[in-house]
Amino acid sequence: MNQAILFNDDFQYIDAQSCWCFTGMLSGARITIYIQAPKRDITDALKFELEELIEDYLEDEEPDEDNIIRLTI
């Protein structure tokens, strides 16, 4: 399914969970995204990489019932 998603620029790394967290708007609903990955400096390239992972994920999957997406890379 091809869905349009708008990403917010609220990227943060949660050390306790070793994951990146950010939000977006999908079909009018706010979604929260957690991507478990090593900590790196946040750059435009990293943001693009994480956003692209979510876009690829949404081609076949949907957020859970709480509007959360969890991925591991």
N, C-alpha and C. Protein backbone atom coordinates (compact mmCIF):
# COMPACT_ATOMS: atom_id res chain seq x y z
N MET A 1 0.84 -1.16 0.00
CA MET A 1 0.00 0.00 0.00
C MET A 1 0.90 1.24 0.00
N ASN A 2 0.66 2.16 -0.89
CA ASN A 2 1.45 3.38 -0.98
C ASN A 2 0.77 4.48 -0.18
N GLN A 3 1.34 4.85 0.94
CA GLN A 3 0.75 5.85 1.81
C GLN A 3 1.68 7.03 1.94
N ALA A 4 1.10 8.22 2.00
CA ALA A 4 1.91 9.42 2.20
C ALA A 4 2.11 9.62 3.70
N ILE A 5 3.33 9.86 4.08
CA ILE A 5 3.64 10.11 5.49
C ILE A 5 4.46 11.39 5.57
N LEU A 6 4.15 12.19 6.55
CA LEU A 6 4.90 13.41 6.83
C LEU A 6 5.66 13.18 8.13
N PHE A 7 6.97 13.34 8.08
CA PHE A 7 7.80 13.13 9.26
C PHE A 7 8.02 14.44 9.99
N ASN A 8 7.93 14.39 11.31
CA ASN A 8 8.28 15.54 12.14
C ASN A 8 9.79 15.53 12.37
N ASP A 9 10.35 16.68 12.63
CA ASP A 9 11.78 16.79 12.87
C ASP A 9 12.04 16.75 14.37
N ASP A 10 11.64 15.63 14.99
CA ASP A 10 11.78 15.49 16.44
C ASP A 10 12.59 14.24 16.80
N PHE A 11 13.60 13.96 16.01
CA PHE A 11 14.44 12.78 16.22
C PHE A 11 15.17 12.88 17.55
N GLN A 12 15.13 11.80 18.30
CA GLN A 12 15.89 11.72 19.54
C GLN A 12 16.35 10.29 19.74
N TYR A 13 17.46 10.13 20.42
CA TYR A 13 17.97 8.80 20.71
C TYR A 13 17.67 8.48 22.16
N ILE A 14 17.06 7.33 22.39
CA ILE A 14 16.72 6.88 23.74
C ILE A 14 17.77 5.85 24.15
N ASP A 15 18.70 6.27 24.98
CA ASP A 15 19.81 5.40 25.38
C ASP A 15 19.34 4.13 26.07
N ALA A 16 18.35 4.24 26.95
CA ALA A 16 17.88 3.09 27.72
C ALA A 16 17.34 1.98 26.83
N GLN A 17 16.81 2.35 25.65
CA GLN A 17 16.25 1.36 24.74
C GLN A 17 17.11 1.16 23.50
N SER A 18 18.21 1.89 23.40
CA SER A 18 19.11 1.84 22.24
C SER A 18 18.34 2.01 20.93
N CYS A 19 17.51 3.06 20.89
CA CYS A 19 16.72 3.26 19.68
C CYS A 19 16.50 4.74 19.39
N TRP A 20 16.24 5.00 18.11
CA TRP A 20 15.82 6.31 17.66
C TRP A 20 14.31 6.40 17.78
N CYS A 21 13.83 7.54 18.15
CA CYS A 21 12.40 7.77 18.26
C CYS A 21 12.07 9.06 17.53
N PHE A 22 11.00 9.03 16.73
CA PHE A 22 10.50 10.24 16.08
C PHE A 22 9.04 10.00 15.72
N THR A 23 8.37 11.06 15.30
CA THR A 23 6.94 10.95 15.02
C THR A 23 6.66 11.38 13.59
N GLY A 24 5.45 11.07 13.16
CA GLY A 24 5.01 11.47 11.84
C GLY A 24 3.49 11.49 11.78
N MET A 25 2.98 11.97 10.66
CA MET A 25 1.54 11.99 10.42
C MET A 25 1.26 11.05 9.25
N LEU A 26 0.35 10.11 9.49
CA LEU A 26 -0.01 9.12 8.49
C LEU A 26 -1.53 9.07 8.41
N SER A 27 -2.08 9.44 7.27
CA SER A 27 -3.53 9.45 7.08
C SER A 27 -4.23 10.23 8.19
N GLY A 28 -3.67 11.35 8.58
CA GLY A 28 -4.27 12.21 9.59
C GLY A 28 -4.04 11.78 11.03
N ALA A 29 -3.34 10.68 11.24
CA ALA A 29 -3.08 10.19 12.60
C ALA A 29 -1.60 10.35 12.93
N ARG A 30 -1.33 10.72 14.17
CA ARG A 30 0.07 10.83 14.62
C ARG A 30 0.58 9.42 14.93
N ILE A 31 1.75 9.09 14.39
CA ILE A 31 2.37 7.81 14.68
C ILE A 31 3.70 8.06 15.36
N THR A 32 4.10 7.11 16.19
CA THR A 32 5.39 7.15 16.86
C THR A 32 6.23 6.01 16.32
N ILE A 33 7.47 6.31 16.02
CA ILE A 33 8.36 5.35 15.39
C ILE A 33 9.56 5.11 16.29
N TYR A 34 9.87 3.83 16.51
CA TYR A 34 11.06 3.42 17.27
C TYR A 34 11.89 2.54 16.36
N ILE A 35 13.14 2.92 16.16
CA ILE A 35 14.04 2.11 15.35
C ILE A 35 15.26 1.79 16.19
N GLN A 36 15.39 0.52 16.52
CA GLN A 36 16.53 0.09 17.34
C GLN A 36 17.76 0.04 16.43
N ALA A 37 18.76 0.85 16.80
CA ALA A 37 19.97 0.97 16.00
C ALA A 37 21.05 1.60 16.86
N PRO A 38 22.30 1.44 16.45
CA PRO A 38 23.39 2.07 17.20
C PRO A 38 23.26 3.59 17.19
N LYS A 39 23.75 4.20 18.25
CA LYS A 39 23.71 5.66 18.35
C LYS A 39 24.75 6.26 17.43
N ARG A 40 24.33 7.28 16.68
CA ARG A 40 25.22 8.03 15.79
C ARG A 40 24.82 9.50 15.90
N ASP A 41 25.69 10.36 15.40
CA ASP A 41 25.33 11.77 15.32
C ASP A 41 24.15 11.91 14.36
N ILE A 42 23.19 12.74 14.73
CA ILE A 42 22.04 12.94 13.87
C ILE A 42 22.43 13.89 12.73
N THR A 43 22.31 13.40 11.52
CA THR A 43 22.62 14.18 10.32
C THR A 43 21.44 14.08 9.38
N ASP A 44 21.43 14.92 8.37
CA ASP A 44 20.36 14.83 7.37
C ASP A 44 20.39 13.46 6.68
N ALA A 45 21.58 12.92 6.47
CA ALA A 45 21.70 11.61 5.84
C ALA A 45 21.08 10.52 6.71
N LEU A 46 21.31 10.59 8.02
CA LEU A 46 20.72 9.60 8.93
C LEU A 46 19.21 9.75 8.97
N LYS A 47 18.71 10.97 9.04
CA LYS A 47 17.26 11.20 9.04
C LYS A 47 16.64 10.60 7.78
N PHE A 48 17.26 10.86 6.63
CA PHE A 48 16.76 10.32 5.38
C PHE A 48 16.75 8.80 5.39
N GLU A 49 17.81 8.20 5.91
CA GLU A 49 17.91 6.74 5.99
C GLU A 49 16.78 6.16 6.85
N LEU A 50 16.54 6.76 8.01
CA LEU A 50 15.48 6.27 8.89
C LEU A 50 14.10 6.47 8.27
N GLU A 51 13.88 7.63 7.64
CA GLU A 51 12.60 7.89 7.00
C GLU A 51 12.35 6.91 5.85
N GLU A 52 13.40 6.61 5.10
CA GLU A 52 13.28 5.67 3.98
C GLU A 52 12.92 4.27 4.48
N LEU A 53 13.49 3.86 5.61
CA LEU A 53 13.14 2.57 6.21
C LEU A 53 11.65 2.50 6.52
N ILE A 54 11.12 3.58 7.06
CA ILE A 54 9.69 3.61 7.40
C ILE A 54 8.83 3.60 6.15
N GLU A 55 9.21 4.35 5.14
CA GLU A 55 8.45 4.35 3.89
C GLU A 55 8.42 2.95 3.28
N ASP A 56 9.56 2.26 3.29
CA ASP A 56 9.61 0.88 2.78
C ASP A 56 8.73 -0.04 3.62
N TYR A 57 8.79 0.11 4.92
CA TYR A 57 7.97 -0.69 5.83
C TYR A 57 6.48 -0.51 5.52
N LEU A 58 6.06 0.73 5.28
CA LEU A 58 4.65 1.02 5.07
C LEU A 58 4.12 0.55 3.72
N GLU A 59 5.00 0.13 2.83
CA GLU A 59 4.53 -0.44 1.57
C GLU A 59 3.78 -1.75 1.80
N ASP A 60 4.16 -2.49 2.86
CA ASP A 60 3.54 -3.80 3.11
C ASP A 60 2.87 -3.91 4.47
N GLU A 61 3.20 -3.03 5.39
CA GLU A 61 2.72 -3.13 6.76
C GLU A 61 2.02 -1.84 7.18
N GLU A 62 1.41 -1.89 8.36
CA GLU A 62 0.77 -0.72 8.94
C GLU A 62 1.22 -0.59 10.39
N PRO A 63 1.09 0.60 10.98
CA PRO A 63 1.38 0.74 12.42
C PRO A 63 0.46 -0.16 13.23
N ASP A 64 0.86 -0.48 14.47
CA ASP A 64 -0.01 -1.30 15.31
C ASP A 64 -1.22 -0.48 15.77
N GLU A 65 -2.07 -1.08 16.58
CA GLU A 65 -3.31 -0.42 16.99
C GLU A 65 -3.08 0.84 17.83
N ASP A 66 -1.89 1.00 18.37
CA ASP A 66 -1.54 2.20 19.14
C ASP A 66 -0.80 3.23 18.28
N ASN A 67 -0.81 3.02 16.95
CA ASN A 67 -0.11 3.89 16.00
C ASN A 67 1.39 3.96 16.27
N ILE A 68 1.97 2.81 16.53
CA ILE A 68 3.40 2.70 16.78
C ILE A 68 4.03 1.76 15.76
N ILE A 69 5.21 2.14 15.29
CA ILE A 69 6.01 1.28 14.43
C ILE A 69 7.31 1.01 15.15
N ARG A 70 7.71 -0.26 15.21
CA ARG A 70 8.97 -0.65 15.83
C ARG A 70 9.78 -1.47 14.82
N LEU A 71 11.00 -1.02 14.58
CA LEU A 71 11.90 -1.72 13.67
C LEU A 71 13.27 -1.88 14.31
N THR A 72 14.00 -2.85 13.82
CA THR A 72 15.38 -3.06 14.24
C THR A 72 16.25 -3.09 12.99
N ILE A 73 17.36 -2.35 13.05
CA ILE A 73 18.28 -2.42 11.89
C ILE A 73 19.64 -2.82 12.38
